[in-house]
Amino acid sequence: MSSNPKISALERYSRQILFKGIGKEGQEKLNASRVAIVGCGAIGAAVAGLLARAGVGELRIIDRDFVEASNLQRQVLFDEQDALESTPKAVAAARKIEQFNSAVHVEAEVADLTPQSIALLDRSDLILDATDNFETRYLINDYSVKTNIPWIYAAAVGACGATMNILPGDTACLACIFPAQPHGTVETCDTAGVLGPAVNLVASIEATEALKLLTGARDKLRRTLLSFDLWSNDRSEIVATRRRPDCDSCGKRQFKHLAGEARPHITLCGRDSVQIHERQRRVDFAEMSTRLAPHGKVKYNDMVLKFWRDSYEMTLFHDGRAIIKGTTDPAVARTLYARFVGM
């Protein structure tokens, strides 16, 4: 993306350069930095916007989802037209960033981060978590520890937020703090809702820590797991400086998530939905539309195809991945996919 010649970098970043923690040298480091953002929902959209406005030179936004009306309450890079057109979030984010900072190079990757697509994180100076599940976070954690690339964990639900910096060789990793992902009933944005201010606060903290790291201010980085509840005003921090020797990832260096062990091909992705990503398969939307038309309503654009059948809604991507809305039963989702798309 080319910079608008009418706006100089010195003028654009003048107030940030005046801040002594950044300065001219820090700004130059930001301009030369490359950050991968995994997920572009509420946290991802906010942090992508903040880093783009701060002048981080390259952003790779990786997201598997598309914009819906329910996103507009908190996902700051999207508008009503994006929701009406079911625009993939990574694409919508890249378009919006282009409008306010064309000097930033944004790569929009409409994809699910899996062990097979983990190369999407290559050549990053920093990885930012903006996902909605521990399955993907453990995958990022394994990759981070193995490659020595730092990452920042971030999450928000209800009025609560949490974030932690993972600096391989320096701090505990995610698996040190959470040896196993939570079991039983766990609140999500779809069950407990989420407040925009909580999302924006955790994104602001994550973005600030990113600026510290990218400008070389590692001594200023927080080395705790920070959590807060904006509604009750509760706040807590857990020291995360000590690694566990028996940690599978940074202790034993057994990267089972990178190896794909125990990773389902079908994953729940919220919103009363199931995602299916059986394998890479190129889908011709025009051909698929003709095939599906006798069985229900179909519409498509250059990026997604949507198909409605009874109470189910299927969103199909060019790589064969699908999100099936109207069920949380993987068996039902697999049956619908096999019947109308094929396995």
Foldseek 3Di string as FASTA:
>chain_A
DDFDPVDDPCNLQVVVLVPVLQHPLLLVLQLVAEEEEEAQAQLNQLLLLVSLSSRRAEYEYEEQFFDAPVRPQARPQDDPVSRVARHRRLVSSVVSSCVVGVRHHYHRHNDHDALVNVCSRPPHQEYEYPAFDVLVVLLVQLVCQVVQRKYKDWDFAAQKIKIATDGHPFWATPCQVVVDDDDDDDDGCQRRNGHNVSSNVRSVLRSVLVSCVSSVVVVPHDQWIWMAGPVVGDIDTHGTGDYDLPRCPRNVNPSCRSVVPPPDQKADRDQQKIKHPPDFDFDDQVVLCVQCVVAADWDHDPAWIWGDHDQWIWIAGRRGMIMIHDHPDVVVVVVVCCVRPND
